[in-house]
Amino acid sequence: MRLLVFATLFGVFLDAGDALQIQCYQCEEMKHNDCSTPEYIVNCTVNVQDMCQKEVLVKPDGIHYRKSCASSGACLIASSGYQQFCTGRLNSVCISCCNTPLCNGPKRKRPVPSAAMSSPPPDRLLLCFLTLFLLPLT
């Protein structure tokens, strides 16, 4: 009986629908960071593309941006491989990787973390307490 209860609670907390998917901005050769608007948001391939990538290219006609989803391996290799070309001068190429939703967009202010964000939702907490309370003591 206890095994069934613990398995049920584990399933409730696990949320089987939570796949590892991230959203990123995606565009090719855009000027002036124009592709950081909702129409350029894409869902990356689940469990494959786990990072967002941003390329900043300095060309004679201005700064161009390329943004996309990427696998962590490919993105980190590309960013380290182009490190020497990231000068900020003409023909510079800078590649950065990040792993939070829409992190390859414009820089935003960091939200202040609150205790409520780290605690389980109230309905799950209530379910847990009720289940433990209703279990027969043996």
N, C-alpha and C. Protein backbone atom coordinates (compact mmCIF):
# COMPACT_ATOMS: atom_id res chain seq x y z
N MET A 1 0.83 -1.19 0.00
CA MET A 1 0.00 0.00 0.00
C MET A 1 0.88 1.26 0.00
N ARG A 2 1.90 1.26 0.87
CA ARG A 2 2.77 2.43 0.92
C ARG A 2 3.52 2.62 -0.40
N LEU A 3 3.89 1.52 -1.05
CA LEU A 3 4.58 1.62 -2.32
C LEU A 3 3.69 2.30 -3.36
N LEU A 4 2.42 1.95 -3.37
CA LEU A 4 1.47 2.57 -4.29
C LEU A 4 1.35 4.06 -4.01
N VAL A 5 1.28 4.45 -2.76
CA VAL A 5 1.17 5.86 -2.40
C VAL A 5 2.42 6.62 -2.83
N PHE A 6 3.58 6.07 -2.54
CA PHE A 6 4.82 6.75 -2.91
C PHE A 6 4.97 6.83 -4.43
N ALA A 7 4.57 5.79 -5.14
CA ALA A 7 4.63 5.82 -6.60
C ALA A 7 3.70 6.90 -7.15
N THR A 8 2.53 7.03 -6.54
CA THR A 8 1.57 8.06 -6.97
C THR A 8 2.14 9.45 -6.71
N LEU A 9 2.69 9.66 -5.53
CA LEU A 9 3.27 10.97 -5.21
C LEU A 9 4.44 11.28 -6.13
N PHE A 10 5.26 10.27 -6.42
CA PHE A 10 6.39 10.48 -7.31
C PHE A 10 5.90 10.92 -8.69
N GLY A 11 4.84 10.28 -9.17
CA GLY A 11 4.28 10.64 -10.47
C GLY A 11 3.72 12.05 -10.49
N VAL A 12 3.11 12.47 -9.39
CA VAL A 12 2.56 13.83 -9.30
C VAL A 12 3.68 14.85 -9.35
N PHE A 13 4.77 14.61 -8.61
CA PHE A 13 5.86 15.56 -8.59
C PHE A 13 6.71 15.52 -9.85
N LEU A 14 6.72 14.41 -10.54
CA LEU A 14 7.55 14.26 -11.72
C LEU A 14 6.99 15.01 -12.92
N ASP A 15 5.67 15.05 -13.05
CA ASP A 15 5.05 15.67 -14.22
C ASP A 15 5.62 15.08 -15.51
N ALA A 16 5.17 13.93 -15.88
CA ALA A 16 5.72 13.19 -17.02
C ALA A 16 5.75 14.00 -18.31
N GLY A 17 4.94 15.04 -18.43
CA GLY A 17 4.91 15.84 -19.66
C GLY A 17 6.06 16.83 -19.78
N ASP A 18 6.89 16.97 -18.75
CA ASP A 18 7.97 17.94 -18.79
C ASP A 18 9.17 17.38 -19.55
N ALA A 19 9.22 17.61 -20.84
CA ALA A 19 10.37 17.20 -21.64
C ALA A 19 11.36 18.36 -21.64
N LEU A 20 12.61 18.05 -21.95
CA LEU A 20 13.63 19.08 -21.98
C LEU A 20 13.55 19.82 -23.31
N GLN A 21 12.76 20.88 -23.32
CA GLN A 21 12.62 21.69 -24.52
C GLN A 21 12.82 23.15 -24.16
N ILE A 22 13.48 23.86 -25.03
CA ILE A 22 13.77 25.26 -24.80
C ILE A 22 13.24 26.06 -25.98
N GLN A 23 12.91 27.31 -25.75
CA GLN A 23 12.51 28.21 -26.83
C GLN A 23 13.64 29.21 -27.05
N CYS A 24 13.91 29.50 -28.33
CA CYS A 24 14.95 30.46 -28.68
C CYS A 24 14.45 31.36 -29.80
N TYR A 25 15.15 32.47 -29.99
CA TYR A 25 14.90 33.30 -31.17
C TYR A 25 15.68 32.67 -32.31
N GLN A 26 15.10 32.70 -33.52
CA GLN A 26 15.78 32.14 -34.68
C GLN A 26 15.66 33.09 -35.86
N CYS A 27 16.80 33.46 -36.44
CA CYS A 27 16.81 34.32 -37.63
C CYS A 27 18.18 34.23 -38.28
N GLU A 28 18.25 34.68 -39.52
CA GLU A 28 19.49 34.68 -40.30
C GLU A 28 19.85 36.10 -40.71
N GLU A 29 21.04 36.51 -40.40
CA GLU A 29 21.62 37.77 -40.89
C GLU A 29 20.68 38.98 -40.75
N MET A 30 20.18 39.20 -39.57
CA MET A 30 19.32 40.35 -39.32
C MET A 30 20.18 41.50 -38.80
N LYS A 31 19.82 42.72 -39.21
CA LYS A 31 20.52 43.90 -38.71
C LYS A 31 19.75 44.51 -37.55
N HIS A 32 20.45 45.19 -36.69
CA HIS A 32 19.86 45.95 -35.59
C HIS A 32 19.10 45.09 -34.58
N ASN A 33 19.45 43.83 -34.45
CA ASN A 33 18.84 42.93 -33.46
C ASN A 33 17.32 42.81 -33.64
N ASP A 34 16.83 42.99 -34.87
CA ASP A 34 15.40 42.99 -35.16
C ASP A 34 14.70 41.66 -34.87
N CYS A 35 15.43 40.58 -34.77
CA CYS A 35 14.75 39.29 -34.64
C CYS A 35 14.49 38.89 -33.19
N SER A 36 14.39 39.84 -32.30
CA SER A 36 14.05 39.55 -30.91
C SER A 36 12.60 39.92 -30.62
N THR A 37 11.74 39.53 -31.51
CA THR A 37 10.30 39.78 -31.37
C THR A 37 9.57 38.44 -31.44
N PRO A 38 8.33 38.38 -30.95
CA PRO A 38 7.62 37.09 -30.85
C PRO A 38 7.55 36.26 -32.13
N GLU A 39 7.51 36.88 -33.29
CA GLU A 39 7.39 36.07 -34.51
C GLU A 39 8.64 35.25 -34.82
N TYR A 40 9.75 35.55 -34.15
CA TYR A 40 10.99 34.80 -34.37
C TYR A 40 11.24 33.74 -33.29
N ILE A 41 10.28 33.53 -32.41
CA ILE A 41 10.43 32.52 -31.36
C ILE A 41 10.12 31.13 -31.93
N VAL A 42 11.00 30.18 -31.68
CA VAL A 42 10.79 28.81 -32.14
C VAL A 42 10.96 27.84 -30.96
N ASN A 43 10.32 26.69 -31.06
CA ASN A 43 10.52 25.61 -30.11
C ASN A 43 11.65 24.74 -30.64
N CYS A 44 12.68 24.58 -29.85
CA CYS A 44 13.82 23.77 -30.28
C CYS A 44 13.48 22.28 -30.18
N THR A 45 14.23 21.46 -30.87
CA THR A 45 14.00 20.02 -30.88
C THR A 45 14.18 19.45 -29.47
N VAL A 46 13.17 18.75 -29.00
CA VAL A 46 13.16 18.21 -27.65
C VAL A 46 14.35 17.29 -27.42
N ASN A 47 15.03 17.49 -26.30
CA ASN A 47 16.15 16.67 -25.85
C ASN A 47 17.34 16.61 -26.82
N VAL A 48 17.35 17.46 -27.82
CA VAL A 48 18.48 17.49 -28.77
C VAL A 48 19.10 18.89 -28.76
N GLN A 49 18.29 19.88 -29.10
CA GLN A 49 18.76 21.26 -29.10
C GLN A 49 18.43 21.86 -27.73
N ASP A 50 19.43 21.85 -26.86
CA ASP A 50 19.20 22.26 -25.48
C ASP A 50 19.79 23.62 -25.14
N MET A 51 20.24 24.36 -26.17
CA MET A 51 20.80 25.69 -25.95
C MET A 51 20.34 26.64 -27.05
N CYS A 52 20.46 27.92 -26.75
CA CYS A 52 20.24 28.96 -27.75
C CYS A 52 21.61 29.52 -28.13
N GLN A 53 21.75 29.87 -29.39
CA GLN A 53 23.02 30.40 -29.89
C GLN A 53 22.78 31.77 -30.48
N LYS A 54 23.74 32.66 -30.30
CA LYS A 54 23.66 34.01 -30.86
C LYS A 54 25.01 34.34 -31.49
N GLU A 55 24.97 34.74 -32.75
CA GLU A 55 26.18 35.16 -33.45
C GLU A 55 26.06 36.64 -33.75
N VAL A 56 27.10 37.38 -33.47
CA VAL A 56 27.15 38.81 -33.77
C VAL A 56 28.28 39.01 -34.76
N LEU A 57 27.93 39.50 -35.94
CA LEU A 57 28.91 39.69 -37.01
C LEU A 57 29.04 41.18 -37.32
N VAL A 58 30.25 41.69 -37.35
CA VAL A 58 30.49 43.09 -37.69
C VAL A 58 30.89 43.15 -39.16
N LYS A 59 30.00 43.74 -39.98
CA LYS A 59 30.23 43.83 -41.42
C LYS A 59 30.34 45.30 -41.82
N PRO A 60 30.80 45.56 -43.05
CA PRO A 60 30.95 46.96 -43.48
C PRO A 60 29.64 47.77 -43.39
N ASP A 61 28.50 47.12 -43.55
CA ASP A 61 27.24 47.85 -43.50
C ASP A 61 26.59 47.84 -42.12
N GLY A 62 27.28 47.32 -41.10
CA GLY A 62 26.75 47.34 -39.75
C GLY A 62 26.83 45.99 -39.05
N ILE A 63 26.18 45.94 -37.91
CA ILE A 63 26.18 44.71 -37.11
C ILE A 63 25.02 43.82 -37.53
N HIS A 64 25.32 42.55 -37.75
CA HIS A 64 24.31 41.56 -38.14
C HIS A 64 24.21 40.51 -37.04
N TYR A 65 23.00 39.94 -36.92
CA TYR A 65 22.77 38.92 -35.89
C TYR A 65 22.25 37.66 -36.54
N ARG A 66 22.68 36.53 -36.02
CA ARG A 66 22.18 35.22 -36.39
C ARG A 66 21.81 34.54 -35.08
N LYS A 67 20.61 34.04 -34.99
CA LYS A 67 20.17 33.40 -33.76
C LYS A 67 19.52 32.07 -34.09
N SER A 68 19.71 31.07 -33.20
CA SER A 68 19.16 29.75 -33.48
C SER A 68 19.16 28.88 -32.24
N CYS A 69 18.53 27.72 -32.39
CA CYS A 69 18.63 26.64 -31.40
C CYS A 69 19.91 25.88 -31.72
N ALA A 70 20.48 25.22 -30.72
CA ALA A 70 21.70 24.44 -30.95
C ALA A 70 21.83 23.37 -29.89
N SER A 71 22.59 22.35 -30.22
CA SER A 71 22.94 21.35 -29.19
C SER A 71 24.07 21.95 -28.37
N SER A 72 24.17 21.56 -27.13
CA SER A 72 25.20 22.15 -26.26
C SER A 72 26.61 21.89 -26.81
N GLY A 73 26.85 20.68 -27.30
CA GLY A 73 28.17 20.36 -27.83
C GLY A 73 28.55 21.24 -29.00
N ALA A 74 27.66 21.34 -29.98
CA ALA A 74 27.95 22.13 -31.18
C ALA A 74 28.12 23.60 -30.84
N CYS A 75 27.28 24.11 -29.98
CA CYS A 75 27.34 25.53 -29.64
C CYS A 75 28.62 25.87 -28.90
N LEU A 76 28.98 25.06 -27.93
CA LEU A 76 30.18 25.35 -27.15
C LEU A 76 31.44 25.22 -27.98
N ILE A 77 31.46 24.27 -28.90
CA ILE A 77 32.62 24.12 -29.80
C ILE A 77 32.72 25.33 -30.72
N ALA A 78 31.57 25.76 -31.28
CA ALA A 78 31.58 26.92 -32.18
C ALA A 78 32.01 28.19 -31.44
N SER A 79 31.48 28.40 -30.24
CA SER A 79 31.81 29.63 -29.51
C SER A 79 33.29 29.66 -29.12
N SER A 80 33.83 28.54 -28.72
CA SER A 80 35.25 28.54 -28.35
C SER A 80 36.14 28.64 -29.60
N GLY A 81 35.69 28.06 -30.71
CA GLY A 81 36.46 28.12 -31.95
C GLY A 81 36.54 29.51 -32.54
N TYR A 82 35.50 30.34 -32.29
CA TYR A 82 35.48 31.69 -32.84
C TYR A 82 35.98 32.74 -31.85
N GLN A 83 36.41 32.30 -30.67
CA GLN A 83 36.85 33.24 -29.63
C GLN A 83 37.90 34.23 -30.14
N GLN A 84 38.85 33.72 -30.94
CA GLN A 84 39.92 34.58 -31.45
C GLN A 84 39.43 35.62 -32.46
N PHE A 85 38.25 35.40 -33.05
CA PHE A 85 37.71 36.33 -34.04
C PHE A 85 36.72 37.32 -33.42
N CYS A 86 36.51 37.23 -32.13
CA CYS A 86 35.57 38.10 -31.43
C CYS A 86 36.31 39.34 -30.93
N THR A 87 36.49 40.30 -31.83
CA THR A 87 37.27 41.50 -31.51
C THR A 87 36.42 42.75 -31.42
N GLY A 88 35.22 42.73 -32.00
CA GLY A 88 34.39 43.92 -32.03
C GLY A 88 34.70 44.84 -33.18
N ARG A 89 35.72 44.50 -33.94
CA ARG A 89 36.11 45.32 -35.10
C ARG A 89 35.49 44.74 -36.37
N LEU A 90 35.75 45.38 -37.49
CA LEU A 90 35.23 44.93 -38.78
C LEU A 90 35.60 43.47 -39.02
N ASN A 91 34.65 42.67 -39.51
CA ASN A 91 34.76 41.24 -39.77
C ASN A 91 34.86 40.39 -38.50
N SER A 92 34.52 40.98 -37.38
CA SER A 92 34.50 40.24 -36.11
C SER A 92 33.30 39.29 -36.09
N VAL A 93 33.49 38.13 -35.49
CA VAL A 93 32.41 37.15 -35.29
C VAL A 93 32.46 36.71 -33.83
N CYS A 94 31.37 36.93 -33.12
CA CYS A 94 31.27 36.50 -31.73
C CYS A 94 30.09 35.54 -31.62
N ILE A 95 30.31 34.39 -31.01
CA ILE A 95 29.26 33.38 -30.84
C ILE A 95 29.11 33.11 -29.35
N SER A 96 27.87 33.18 -28.88
CA SER A 96 27.61 32.89 -27.47
C SER A 96 26.51 31.84 -27.36
N CYS A 97 26.54 31.11 -26.27
CA CYS A 97 25.57 30.04 -26.00
C CYS A 97 24.93 30.30 -24.64
N CYS A 98 23.67 29.90 -24.51
CA CYS A 98 22.98 30.04 -23.23
C CYS A 98 21.90 28.96 -23.16
N ASN A 99 21.40 28.68 -21.96
CA ASN A 99 20.48 27.55 -21.83
C ASN A 99 19.20 27.87 -21.06
N THR A 100 18.73 29.11 -21.17
CA THR A 100 17.44 29.45 -20.58
C THR A 100 16.54 29.96 -21.70
N PRO A 101 15.22 29.88 -21.53
CA PRO A 101 14.31 30.28 -22.60
C PRO A 101 14.54 31.71 -23.09
N LEU A 102 14.66 31.85 -24.40
CA LEU A 102 14.81 33.13 -25.10
C LEU A 102 16.03 33.92 -24.64
N CYS A 103 17.05 33.23 -24.18
CA CYS A 103 18.25 33.90 -23.68
C CYS A 103 19.11 34.49 -24.78
N ASN A 104 18.84 34.16 -26.05
CA ASN A 104 19.61 34.73 -27.14
C ASN A 104 18.96 36.00 -27.69
N GLY A 105 18.05 36.56 -26.92
CA GLY A 105 17.41 37.82 -27.27
C GLY A 105 18.11 38.98 -26.60
N PRO A 106 17.42 40.11 -26.49
CA PRO A 106 18.03 41.26 -25.83
C PRO A 106 18.26 40.99 -24.36
N LYS A 107 19.25 41.63 -23.79
CA LYS A 107 19.53 41.44 -22.37
C LYS A 107 18.40 42.04 -21.55
N ARG A 108 17.97 41.26 -20.56
CA ARG A 108 16.90 41.74 -19.68
C ARG A 108 17.44 41.83 -18.27
N LYS A 109 16.75 42.61 -17.45
CA LYS A 109 17.11 42.68 -16.04
C LYS A 109 16.75 41.36 -15.40
N ARG A 110 17.60 40.92 -14.48
CA ARG A 110 17.34 39.65 -13.78
C ARG A 110 16.24 39.85 -12.76
N PRO A 111 15.26 38.94 -12.74
CA PRO A 111 14.22 39.04 -11.72
C PRO A 111 14.78 38.64 -10.36
N VAL A 112 14.22 39.23 -9.33
CA VAL A 112 14.64 38.90 -7.98
C VAL A 112 14.00 37.57 -7.60
N PRO A 113 14.81 36.55 -7.22
CA PRO A 113 14.22 35.25 -6.88
C PRO A 113 13.39 35.36 -5.61
N SER A 114 12.28 34.64 -5.61
CA SER A 114 11.42 34.64 -4.43
C SER A 114 11.28 33.22 -3.92
N ALA A 115 10.93 33.10 -2.67
CA ALA A 115 10.76 31.77 -2.06
C ALA A 115 9.61 31.02 -2.71
N ALA A 116 8.61 31.74 -3.20
CA ALA A 116 7.45 31.09 -3.81
C ALA A 116 7.82 30.34 -5.08
N MET A 117 8.84 30.80 -5.79
CA MET A 117 9.22 30.15 -7.04
C MET A 117 9.83 28.78 -6.79
N SER A 118 10.47 28.58 -5.65
CA SER A 118 11.14 27.32 -5.43
C SER A 118 10.29 26.29 -4.70
N SER A 119 9.15 26.69 -4.18
CA SER A 119 8.30 25.73 -3.46
C SER A 119 7.30 25.09 -4.40
N PRO A 120 6.85 23.86 -4.09
CA PRO A 120 5.89 23.20 -4.96
C PRO A 120 4.55 23.95 -4.93
N PRO A 121 3.76 23.82 -5.99
CA PRO A 121 2.46 24.48 -6.02
C PRO A 121 1.61 24.02 -4.84
N PRO A 122 0.75 24.91 -4.31
CA PRO A 122 -0.04 24.59 -3.13
C PRO A 122 -0.88 23.33 -3.25
N ASP A 123 -1.46 23.06 -4.44
CA ASP A 123 -2.30 21.88 -4.58
C ASP A 123 -1.49 20.58 -4.42
N ARG A 124 -0.27 20.55 -4.88
CA ARG A 124 0.58 19.37 -4.71
C ARG A 124 1.00 19.20 -3.26
N LEU A 125 1.31 20.32 -2.62
CA LEU A 125 1.70 20.27 -1.22
C LEU A 125 0.55 19.75 -0.37
N LEU A 126 -0.64 20.23 -0.65
CA LEU A 126 -1.84 19.79 0.07
C LEU A 126 -2.07 18.30 -0.17
N LEU A 127 -1.93 17.85 -1.41
CA LEU A 127 -2.10 16.43 -1.74
C LEU A 127 -1.11 15.58 -0.96
N CYS A 128 0.12 16.04 -0.88
CA CYS A 128 1.15 15.30 -0.16
C CYS A 128 0.79 15.17 1.32
N PHE A 129 0.41 16.28 1.96
CA PHE A 129 0.04 16.25 3.38
C PHE A 129 -1.18 15.37 3.62
N LEU A 130 -2.18 15.49 2.76
CA LEU A 130 -3.38 14.68 2.93
C LEU A 130 -3.07 13.19 2.80
N THR A 131 -2.25 12.85 1.82
CA THR A 131 -1.90 11.45 1.61
C THR A 131 -1.16 10.89 2.80
N LEU A 132 -0.20 11.64 3.31
CA LEU A 132 0.56 11.18 4.47
C LEU A 132 -0.33 11.09 5.71
N PHE A 133 -1.25 12.05 5.87
CA PHE A 133 -2.14 12.06 7.02
C PHE A 133 -3.10 10.88 6.99
N LEU A 134 -3.56 10.51 5.79
CA LEU A 134 -4.54 9.44 5.65
C LEU A 134 -3.91 8.05 5.67
N LEU A 135 -2.60 7.95 5.58
CA LEU A 135 -1.94 6.66 5.62
C LEU A 135 -2.11 6.03 7.01
N PRO A 136 -2.47 4.75 7.06
CA PRO A 136 -2.58 4.11 8.37
C PRO A 136 -1.20 3.93 8.98
N LEU A 137 -1.08 4.23 10.24
CA LEU A 137 0.18 4.03 10.94
C LEU A 137 0.32 2.57 11.31
N THR A 138 1.43 1.95 10.95
CA THR A 138 1.62 0.53 11.27
C THR A 138 2.90 0.35 12.03
